[in-house]
PDB file of all heavy atoms in Angstrom:
ATOM      1  N   SER A   1     -92.179 -47.435 -22.463  1.00  0.00           N
ATOM      2  CA  SER A   1     -92.637 -47.226 -23.800  1.00  0.00           C
ATOM      3  C   SER A   1     -91.908 -48.188 -24.746  1.00  0.00           C
ATOM      4  O   SER A   1     -92.517 -48.651 -25.655  1.00  0.00           O
ATOM      5  CB  SER A   1     -92.217 -45.704 -24.171  1.00  0.00           C
ATOM      6  OG  SER A   1     -92.900 -44.818 -23.406  1.00  0.00           O
ATOM      7  N   LEU A   2     -90.676 -48.429 -24.523  1.00  0.00           N
ATOM      8  CA  LEU A   2     -89.911 -49.354 -25.402  1.00  0.00           C
ATOM      9  C   LEU A   2     -90.452 -50.770 -25.208  1.00  0.00           C
ATOM     10  O   LEU A   2     -90.555 -51.496 -26.183  1.00  0.00           O
ATOM     11  CB  LEU A   2     -88.422 -49.317 -25.083  1.00  0.00           C
ATOM     12  CG  LEU A   2     -87.676 -48.002 -25.554  1.00  0.00           C
ATOM     13  CD1 LEU A   2     -86.204 -48.029 -25.087  1.00  0.00           C
ATOM     14  CD2 LEU A   2     -87.740 -47.846 -27.084  1.00  0.00           C
ATOM     15  N   LEU A   3     -90.783 -51.134 -23.995  1.00  0.00           N
ATOM     16  CA  LEU A   3     -91.324 -52.492 -23.763  1.00  0.00           C
ATOM     17  C   LEU A   3     -92.652 -52.614 -24.437  1.00  0.00           C
ATOM     18  O   LEU A   3     -92.907 -53.651 -25.066  1.00  0.00           O
ATOM     19  CB  LEU A   3     -91.451 -52.720 -22.218  1.00  0.00           C
ATOM     20  CG  LEU A   3     -91.943 -53.985 -21.793  1.00  0.00           C
ATOM     21  CD1 LEU A   3     -90.889 -55.149 -22.186  1.00  0.00           C
ATOM     22  CD2 LEU A   3     -92.221 -54.153 -20.249  1.00  0.00           C
ATOM     23  N   GLY A   4     -93.476 -51.570 -24.336  1.00  0.00           N
ATOM     24  CA  GLY A   4     -94.763 -51.574 -25.051  1.00  0.00           C
ATOM     25  C   GLY A   4     -94.566 -51.756 -26.584  1.00  0.00           C
ATOM     26  O   GLY A   4     -95.251 -52.544 -27.272  1.00  0.00           O
ATOM     27  N   GLY A   5     -93.620 -50.964 -27.120  1.00  0.00           N
ATOM     28  CA  GLY A   5     -93.319 -51.035 -28.589  1.00  0.00           C
ATOM     29  C   GLY A   5     -92.801 -52.378 -28.929  1.00  0.00           C
ATOM     30  O   GLY A   5     -93.091 -52.856 -30.023  1.00  0.00           O
ATOM     31  N   ARG A   6     -92.020 -53.012 -28.096  1.00  0.00           N
ATOM     32  CA  ARG A   6     -91.354 -54.382 -28.362  1.00  0.00           C
ATOM     33  C   ARG A   6     -92.571 -55.395 -28.576  1.00  0.00           C
ATOM     34  O   ARG A   6     -92.380 -56.233 -29.514  1.00  0.00           O
ATOM     35  CB  ARG A   6     -90.531 -54.778 -27.259  1.00  0.00           C
ATOM     36  CG  ARG A   6     -89.897 -56.182 -27.401  1.00  0.00           C
ATOM     37  CD  ARG A   6     -89.037 -56.525 -26.194  1.00  0.00           C
ATOM     38  NE  ARG A   6     -88.568 -57.873 -26.356  1.00  0.00           N
ATOM     39  CZ  ARG A   6     -87.417 -58.224 -26.874  1.00  0.00           C
ATOM     40  NH1 ARG A   6     -86.615 -57.332 -27.390  1.00  0.00           N
ATOM     41  NH2 ARG A   6     -87.051 -59.483 -26.996  1.00  0.00           N
ATOM     42  N   TYR A   7     -93.656 -55.266 -27.861  1.00  0.00           N
ATOM     43  CA  TYR A   7     -94.689 -56.236 -27.980  1.00  0.00           C
ATOM     44  C   TYR A   7     -95.805 -55.812 -28.953  1.00  0.00           C
ATOM     45  O   TYR A   7     -96.496 -56.761 -29.542  1.00  0.00           O
ATOM     46  CB  TYR A   7     -95.272 -56.468 -26.593  1.00  0.00           C
ATOM     47  CG  TYR A   7     -94.380 -57.357 -25.715  1.00  0.00           C
ATOM     48  CD1 TYR A   7     -93.634 -56.715 -24.711  1.00  0.00           C
ATOM     49  CD2 TYR A   7     -94.254 -58.718 -25.861  1.00  0.00           C
ATOM     50  CE1 TYR A   7     -92.776 -57.411 -23.839  1.00  0.00           C
ATOM     51  CE2 TYR A   7     -93.336 -59.399 -25.071  1.00  0.00           C
ATOM     52  CZ  TYR A   7     -92.687 -58.827 -24.110  1.00  0.00           C
ATOM     53  OH  TYR A   7     -91.839 -59.536 -23.319  1.00  0.00           O
ATOM     54  N   ILE A   8     -95.983 -54.561 -29.193  1.00  0.00           N
ATOM     55  CA  ILE A   8     -97.062 -54.112 -30.014  1.00  0.00           C
ATOM     56  C   ILE A   8     -96.620 -54.098 -31.493  1.00  0.00           C
ATOM     57  O   ILE A   8     -97.402 -54.512 -32.415  1.00  0.00           O
ATOM     58  CB  ILE A   8     -97.503 -52.682 -29.585  1.00  0.00           C
ATOM     59  CG1 ILE A   8     -98.142 -52.811 -28.236  1.00  0.00           C
ATOM     60  CG2 ILE A   8     -98.468 -52.125 -30.602  1.00  0.00           C
ATOM     61  CD1 ILE A   8     -98.489 -51.443 -27.621  1.00  0.00           C
ATOM     62  N   LEU A   9     -95.455 -53.484 -31.779  1.00  0.00           N
ATOM     63  CA  LEU A   9     -95.073 -53.271 -33.185  1.00  0.00           C
ATOM     64  C   LEU A   9     -94.973 -54.553 -34.097  1.00  0.00           C
ATOM     65  O   LEU A   9     -95.387 -54.430 -35.247  1.00  0.00           O
ATOM     66  CB  LEU A   9     -93.636 -52.554 -33.160  1.00  0.00           C
ATOM     67  CG  LEU A   9     -93.717 -51.087 -32.764  1.00  0.00           C
ATOM     68  CD1 LEU A   9     -92.321 -50.492 -32.566  1.00  0.00           C
ATOM     69  CD2 LEU A   9     -94.517 -50.208 -33.735  1.00  0.00           C
ATOM     70  N   PRO A  10     -94.462 -55.627 -33.594  1.00  0.00           N
ATOM     71  CA  PRO A  10     -94.453 -56.866 -34.462  1.00  0.00           C
ATOM     72  C   PRO A  10     -95.830 -57.167 -34.947  1.00  0.00           C
ATOM     73  O   PRO A  10     -95.894 -57.777 -36.119  1.00  0.00           O
ATOM     74  CB  PRO A  10     -93.874 -57.959 -33.578  1.00  0.00           C
ATOM     75  CG  PRO A  10     -93.014 -57.229 -32.588  1.00  0.00           C
ATOM     76  CD  PRO A  10     -93.778 -55.877 -32.276  1.00  0.00           C
ATOM     77  N   GLY A  11     -96.823 -56.968 -34.221  1.00  0.00           N
ATOM     78  CA  GLY A  11     -98.216 -57.308 -34.695  1.00  0.00           C
ATOM     79  C   GLY A  11     -98.674 -56.305 -35.753  1.00  0.00           C
ATOM     80  O   GLY A  11     -99.722 -56.668 -36.399  1.00  0.00           O
ATOM     81  N   ASN A  12     -98.009 -55.250 -36.010  1.00  0.00           N
ATOM     82  CA  ASN A  12     -98.354 -54.280 -37.022  1.00  0.00           C
ATOM     83  C   ASN A  12     -97.462 -54.325 -38.258  1.00  0.00           C
ATOM     84  O   ASN A  12     -97.368 -53.384 -39.015  1.00  0.00           O
ATOM     85  CB  ASN A  12     -98.404 -52.816 -36.453  1.00  0.00           C
ATOM     86  CG  ASN A  12     -99.558 -52.595 -35.536  1.00  0.00           C
ATOM     87  OD1 ASN A  12    -100.422 -53.426 -35.438  1.00  0.00           O
ATOM     88  ND2 ASN A  12     -99.577 -51.507 -34.862  1.00  0.00           N
ATOM     89  N   GLY A  13     -96.691 -55.402 -38.344  1.00  0.00           N
ATOM     90  CA  GLY A  13     -95.881 -55.548 -39.555  1.00  0.00           C
ATOM     91  C   GLY A  13     -94.381 -55.215 -39.262  1.00  0.00           C
ATOM     92  O   GLY A  13     -93.635 -55.355 -40.287  1.00  0.00           O
ATOM     93  N   PHE A  14     -94.029 -54.799 -38.099  1.00  0.00           N
ATOM     94  CA  PHE A  14     -92.628 -54.466 -37.912  1.00  0.00           C
ATOM     95  C   PHE A  14     -91.830 -55.693 -37.425  1.00  0.00           C
ATOM     96  O   PHE A  14     -91.557 -55.886 -36.263  1.00  0.00           O
ATOM     97  CB  PHE A  14     -92.528 -53.364 -36.759  1.00  0.00           C
ATOM     98  CG  PHE A  14     -93.082 -52.027 -37.251  1.00  0.00           C
ATOM     99  CD1 PHE A  14     -94.394 -51.707 -37.182  1.00  0.00           C
ATOM    100  CD2 PHE A  14     -92.219 -51.051 -37.726  1.00  0.00           C
ATOM    101  CE1 PHE A  14     -94.936 -50.460 -37.469  1.00  0.00           C
ATOM    102  CE2 PHE A  14     -92.619 -49.849 -38.136  1.00  0.00           C
ATOM    103  CZ  PHE A  14     -93.985 -49.566 -38.093  1.00  0.00           C
ATOM    104  N   THR A  15     -91.642 -56.552 -38.419  1.00  0.00           N
ATOM    105  CA  THR A  15     -91.088 -57.888 -38.227  1.00  0.00           C
ATOM    106  C   THR A  15     -89.701 -58.042 -38.930  1.00  0.00           C
ATOM    107  O   THR A  15     -89.347 -57.192 -39.714  1.00  0.00           O
ATOM    108  CB  THR A  15     -92.035 -58.958 -38.715  1.00  0.00           C
ATOM    109  OG1 THR A  15     -92.268 -58.762 -40.137  1.00  0.00           O
ATOM    110  CG2 THR A  15     -93.445 -58.873 -37.933  1.00  0.00           C
ATOM    111  N   GLY A  16     -89.078 -59.172 -38.674  1.00  0.00           N
ATOM    112  CA  GLY A  16     -87.857 -59.493 -39.387  1.00  0.00           C
ATOM    113  C   GLY A  16     -88.007 -59.498 -40.878  1.00  0.00           C
ATOM    114  O   GLY A  16     -87.086 -59.136 -41.571  1.00  0.00           O
ATOM    115  N   ALA A  17     -89.093 -59.920 -41.317  1.00  0.00           N
ATOM    116  CA  ALA A  17     -89.322 -60.066 -42.777  1.00  0.00           C
ATOM    117  C   ALA A  17     -89.339 -58.654 -43.455  1.00  0.00           C
ATOM    118  O   ALA A  17     -88.982 -58.504 -44.640  1.00  0.00           O
ATOM    119  CB  ALA A  17     -90.708 -60.707 -43.008  1.00  0.00           C
ATOM    120  N   HIS A  18     -89.640 -57.653 -42.717  1.00  0.00           N
ATOM    121  CA  HIS A  18     -89.613 -56.147 -43.154  1.00  0.00           C
ATOM    122  C   HIS A  18     -88.363 -55.475 -42.721  1.00  0.00           C
ATOM    123  O   HIS A  18     -88.235 -54.186 -42.877  1.00  0.00           O
ATOM    124  CB  HIS A  18     -90.852 -55.464 -42.779  1.00  0.00           C
ATOM    125  CG  HIS A  18     -92.133 -56.046 -43.217  1.00  0.00           C
ATOM    126  ND1 HIS A  18     -93.328 -55.868 -42.590  1.00  0.00           N
ATOM    127  CD2 HIS A  18     -92.394 -56.878 -44.419  1.00  0.00           C
ATOM    128  CE1 HIS A  18     -94.280 -56.545 -43.403  1.00  0.00           C
ATOM    129  NE2 HIS A  18     -93.682 -57.129 -44.353  1.00  0.00           N
ATOM    130  N   GLY A  19     -87.415 -56.198 -42.193  1.00  0.00           N
ATOM    131  CA  GLY A  19     -86.120 -55.579 -41.774  1.00  0.00           C
ATOM    132  C   GLY A  19     -86.193 -55.047 -40.348  1.00  0.00           C
ATOM    133  O   GLY A  19     -85.206 -54.210 -40.005  1.00  0.00           O
ATOM    134  N   TYR A  20     -87.107 -55.398 -39.548  1.00  0.00           N
ATOM    135  CA  TYR A  20     -87.129 -54.925 -38.150  1.00  0.00           C
ATOM    136  C   TYR A  20     -86.915 -55.996 -37.188  1.00  0.00           C
ATOM    137  O   TYR A  20     -87.354 -57.088 -37.296  1.00  0.00           O
ATOM    138  CB  TYR A  20     -88.525 -54.293 -37.898  1.00  0.00           C
ATOM    139  CG  TYR A  20     -88.809 -52.982 -38.686  1.00  0.00           C
ATOM    140  CD1 TYR A  20     -89.602 -53.016 -39.822  1.00  0.00           C
ATOM    141  CD2 TYR A  20     -88.351 -51.829 -38.110  1.00  0.00           C
ATOM    142  CE1 TYR A  20     -89.868 -51.939 -40.548  1.00  0.00           C
ATOM    143  CE2 TYR A  20     -88.666 -50.597 -38.856  1.00  0.00           C
ATOM    144  CZ  TYR A  20     -89.372 -50.674 -40.058  1.00  0.00           C
ATOM    145  OH  TYR A  20     -89.582 -49.528 -40.719  1.00  0.00           O
ATOM    146  N   THR A  21     -86.074 -55.806 -36.191  1.00  0.00           N
ATOM    147  CA  THR A  21     -85.838 -56.642 -35.045  1.00  0.00           C
ATOM    148  C   THR A  21     -86.599 -56.098 -33.902  1.00  0.00           C
ATOM    149  O   THR A  21     -86.901 -54.946 -33.774  1.00  0.00           O
ATOM    150  CB  THR A  21     -84.380 -56.745 -34.709  1.00  0.00           C
ATOM    151  OG1 THR A  21     -83.918 -55.417 -34.411  1.00  0.00           O
ATOM    152  CG2 THR A  21     -83.587 -57.324 -35.934  1.00  0.00           C
ATOM    153  N   PRO A  22     -87.033 -56.937 -32.889  1.00  0.00           N
ATOM    154  CA  PRO A  22     -87.664 -56.533 -31.743  1.00  0.00           C
ATOM    155  C   PRO A  22     -86.743 -55.455 -30.963  1.00  0.00           C
ATOM    156  O   PRO A  22     -85.639 -55.559 -30.897  1.00  0.00           O
ATOM    157  CB  PRO A  22     -87.812 -57.782 -30.811  1.00  0.00           C
ATOM    158  CG  PRO A  22     -87.753 -58.917 -31.876  1.00  0.00           C
ATOM    159  CD  PRO A  22     -86.800 -58.430 -32.938  1.00  0.00           C
ATOM    160  N   LEU A  23     -87.493 -54.423 -30.419  1.00  0.00           N
ATOM    161  CA  LEU A  23     -86.759 -53.386 -29.761  1.00  0.00           C
ATOM    162  C   LEU A  23     -86.025 -53.989 -28.552  1.00  0.00           C
ATOM    163  O   LEU A  23     -86.581 -54.669 -27.808  1.00  0.00           O
ATOM    164  CB  LEU A  23     -87.709 -52.273 -29.340  1.00  0.00           C
ATOM    165  CG  LEU A  23     -88.605 -51.597 -30.390  1.00  0.00           C
ATOM    166  CD1 LEU A  23     -89.446 -50.505 -29.768  1.00  0.00           C
ATOM    167  CD2 LEU A  23     -87.733 -51.097 -31.499  1.00  0.00           C
ATOM    168  N   SER A  24     -84.767 -53.543 -28.508  1.00  0.00           N
ATOM    169  CA  SER A  24     -83.890 -54.042 -27.420  1.00  0.00           C
ATOM    170  C   SER A  24     -82.776 -53.049 -27.074  1.00  0.00           C
ATOM    171  O   SER A  24     -82.178 -52.399 -27.977  1.00  0.00           O
ATOM    172  CB  SER A  24     -83.263 -55.357 -27.792  1.00  0.00           C
ATOM    173  OG  SER A  24     -82.255 -55.830 -26.892  1.00  0.00           O
ATOM    174  N   LEU A  25     -82.481 -52.875 -25.825  1.00  0.00           N
ATOM    175  CA  LEU A  25     -81.460 -51.999 -25.391  1.00  0.00           C
ATOM    176  C   LEU A  25     -80.047 -52.556 -25.682  1.00  0.00           C
ATOM    177  O   LEU A  25     -79.007 -51.854 -25.547  1.00  0.00           O
ATOM    178  CB  LEU A  25     -81.578 -51.733 -23.878  1.00  0.00           C
ATOM    179  CG  LEU A  25     -82.772 -50.987 -23.389  1.00  0.00           C
ATOM    180  CD1 LEU A  25     -82.768 -50.816 -21.868  1.00  0.00           C
ATOM    181  CD2 LEU A  25     -82.885 -49.592 -24.076  1.00  0.00           C
ATOM    182  N   ALA A  26     -79.999 -53.833 -26.101  1.00  0.00           N
ATOM    183  CA  ALA A  26     -78.782 -54.386 -26.567  1.00  0.00           C
ATOM    184  C   ALA A  26     -78.328 -53.808 -27.933  1.00  0.00           C
ATOM    185  O   ALA A  26     -77.124 -53.865 -28.341  1.00  0.00           O
ATOM    186  CB  ALA A  26     -78.853 -55.881 -26.697  1.00  0.00           C
ATOM    187  N   ASP A  27     -79.301 -53.219 -28.651  1.00  0.00           N
ATOM    188  CA  ASP A  27     -78.962 -52.562 -29.929  1.00  0.00           C
ATOM    189  C   ASP A  27     -78.526 -51.144 -29.577  1.00  0.00           C
ATOM    190  O   ASP A  27     -79.136 -50.394 -28.924  1.00  0.00           O
ATOM    191  CB  ASP A  27     -80.285 -52.503 -30.760  1.00  0.00           C
ATOM    192  CG  ASP A  27     -79.993 -51.767 -32.079  1.00  0.00           C
ATOM    193  OD1 ASP A  27     -79.193 -52.130 -32.819  1.00  0.00           O
ATOM    194  OD2 ASP A  27     -80.756 -50.819 -32.214  1.00  0.00           O
ATOM    195  N   GLY A  28     -77.305 -50.882 -30.242  1.00  0.00           N
ATOM    196  CA  GLY A  28     -76.632 -49.592 -29.851  1.00  0.00           C
ATOM    197  C   GLY A  28     -77.520 -48.309 -30.145  1.00  0.00           C
ATOM    198  O   GLY A  28     -77.729 -47.489 -29.233  1.00  0.00           O
ATOM    199  N   PRO A  29     -78.088 -48.174 -31.351  1.00  0.00           N
ATOM    200  CA  PRO A  29     -78.944 -46.970 -31.657  1.00  0.00           C
ATOM    201  C   PRO A  29     -80.170 -46.944 -30.694  1.00  0.00           C
ATOM    202  O   PRO A  29     -80.523 -45.878 -30.313  1.00  0.00           O
ATOM    203  CB  PRO A  29     -79.359 -47.193 -33.090  1.00  0.00           C
ATOM    204  CG  PRO A  29     -78.162 -48.013 -33.690  1.00  0.00           C
ATOM    205  CD  PRO A  29     -77.820 -49.005 -32.573  1.00  0.00           C
ATOM    206  N   THR A  30     -80.751 -48.093 -30.362  1.00  0.00           N
ATOM    207  CA  THR A  30     -81.900 -48.064 -29.511  1.00  0.00           C
ATOM    208  C   THR A  30     -81.483 -47.627 -28.124  1.00  0.00           C
ATOM    209  O   THR A  30     -82.171 -46.818 -27.514  1.00  0.00           O
ATOM    210  CB  THR A  30     -82.532 -49.447 -29.393  1.00  0.00           C
ATOM    211  OG1 THR A  30     -82.911 -49.868 -30.700  1.00  0.00           O
ATOM    212  CG2 THR A  30     -83.741 -49.477 -28.553  1.00  0.00           C
ATOM    213  N   LEU A  31     -80.328 -48.060 -27.617  1.00  0.00           N
ATOM    214  CA  LEU A  31     -79.817 -47.652 -26.252  1.00  0.00           C
ATOM    215  C   LEU A  31     -79.578 -46.174 -26.342  1.00  0.00           C
ATOM    216  O   LEU A  31     -79.910 -45.413 -25.334  1.00  0.00           O
ATOM    217  CB  LEU A  31     -78.577 -48.491 -25.985  1.00  0.00           C
ATOM    218  CG  LEU A  31     -77.893 -48.033 -24.661  1.00  0.00           C
ATOM    219  CD1 LEU A  31     -78.889 -48.350 -23.421  1.00  0.00           C
ATOM    220  CD2 LEU A  31     -76.589 -48.835 -24.482  1.00  0.00           C
ATOM    221  N   ARG A  32     -78.993 -45.668 -27.401  1.00  0.00           N
ATOM    222  CA  ARG A  32     -78.721 -44.229 -27.511  1.00  0.00           C
ATOM    223  C   ARG A  32     -79.939 -43.427 -27.457  1.00  0.00           C
ATOM    224  O   ARG A  32     -80.067 -42.405 -26.761  1.00  0.00           O
ATOM    225  CB  ARG A  32     -77.899 -43.985 -28.735  1.00  0.00           C
ATOM    226  CG  ARG A  32     -77.432 -42.505 -28.940  1.00  0.00           C
ATOM    227  CD  ARG A  32     -78.255 -41.804 -29.957  1.00  0.00           C
ATOM    228  NE  ARG A  32     -78.027 -42.460 -31.257  1.00  0.00           N
ATOM    229  CZ  ARG A  32     -78.913 -42.418 -32.242  1.00  0.00           C
ATOM    230  NH1 ARG A  32     -80.077 -41.874 -32.075  1.00  0.00           N
ATOM    231  NH2 ARG A  32     -78.605 -42.962 -33.398  1.00  0.00           N
ATOM    232  N   ALA A  33     -81.018 -43.871 -28.224  1.00  0.00           N
ATOM    233  CA  ALA A  33     -82.288 -43.149 -28.202  1.00  0.00           C
ATOM    234  C   ALA A  33     -82.909 -43.168 -26.815  1.00  0.00           C
ATOM    235  O   ALA A  33     -83.537 -42.156 -26.484  1.00  0.00           O
ATOM    236  CB  ALA A  33     -83.159 -43.855 -29.194  1.00  0.00           C
ATOM    237  N   ALA A  34     -82.772 -44.328 -26.125  1.00  0.00           N
ATOM    238  CA  ALA A  34     -83.451 -44.449 -24.758  1.00  0.00           C
ATOM    239  C   ALA A  34     -82.721 -43.544 -23.841  1.00  0.00           C
ATOM    240  O   ALA A  34     -83.368 -42.756 -23.082  1.00  0.00           O
ATOM    241  CB  ALA A  34     -83.393 -45.871 -24.263  1.00  0.00           C
ATOM    242  N   VAL A  35     -81.414 -43.561 -23.714  1.00  0.00           N
ATOM    243  CA  VAL A  35     -80.674 -42.754 -22.801  1.00  0.00           C
ATOM    244  C   VAL A  35     -80.895 -41.282 -23.187  1.00  0.00           C
ATOM    245  O   VAL A  35     -81.068 -40.427 -22.312  1.00  0.00           O
ATOM    246  CB  VAL A  35     -79.159 -43.171 -22.752  1.00  0.00           C
ATOM    247  CG1 VAL A  35     -78.408 -42.089 -22.000  1.00  0.00           C
ATOM    248  CG2 VAL A  35     -78.981 -44.512 -22.265  1.00  0.00           C
ATOM    249  N   GLY A  36     -80.775 -40.967 -24.438  1.00  0.00           N
ATOM    250  CA  GLY A  36     -80.892 -39.624 -24.894  1.00  0.00           C
ATOM    251  C   GLY A  36     -82.359 -38.988 -24.614  1.00  0.00           C
ATOM    252  O   GLY A  36     -82.452 -37.879 -24.241  1.00  0.00           O
ATOM    253  N   SER A  37     -83.376 -39.893 -24.635  1.00  0.00           N
ATOM    254  CA  SER A  37     -84.702 -39.437 -24.344  1.00  0.00           C
ATOM    255  C   SER A  37     -84.807 -39.098 -22.913  1.00  0.00           C
ATOM    256  O   SER A  37     -85.486 -38.095 -22.552  1.00  0.00           O
ATOM    257  CB  SER A  37     -85.734 -40.541 -24.711  1.00  0.00           C
ATOM    258  OG  SER A  37     -85.817 -40.697 -26.136  1.00  0.00           O
ATOM    259  N   VAL A  38     -84.236 -39.904 -21.984  1.00  0.00           N
ATOM    260  CA  VAL A  38     -84.298 -39.498 -20.560  1.00  0.00           C
ATOM    261  C   VAL A  38     -83.540 -38.217 -20.330  1.00  0.00           C
ATOM    262  O   VAL A  38     -83.948 -37.315 -19.591  1.00  0.00           O
ATOM    263  CB  VAL A  38     -83.598 -40.667 -19.769  1.00  0.00           C
ATOM    264  CG1 VAL A  38     -83.567 -40.311 -18.268  1.00  0.00           C
ATOM    265  CG2 VAL A  38     -84.434 -41.965 -19.935  1.00  0.00           C
ATOM    266  N   LEU A  39     -82.312 -38.041 -20.946  1.00  0.00           N
ATOM    267  CA  LEU A  39     -81.558 -36.812 -20.832  1.00  0.00           C
ATOM    268  C   LEU A  39     -82.334 -35.667 -21.395  1.00  0.00           C
ATOM    269  O   LEU A  39     -82.241 -34.572 -20.809  1.00  0.00           O
ATOM    270  CB  LEU A  39     -80.208 -36.980 -21.489  1.00  0.00           C
ATOM    271  CG  LEU A  39     -79.254 -37.950 -20.885  1.00  0.00           C
ATOM    272  CD1 LEU A  39     -77.946 -37.999 -21.699  1.00  0.00           C
ATOM    273  CD2 LEU A  39     -78.920 -37.577 -19.414  1.00  0.00           C
TER     274      LEU A  39
END
């Protein structure tokens, strides 16, 4: 799901110009959300 979002969201305006970076597990909150979703 995160991989899909990483490639789909930038095409819908979720870009650096709007304050969004590509989804990555290297980002602390994203990693927490991913691990937490599995739990």
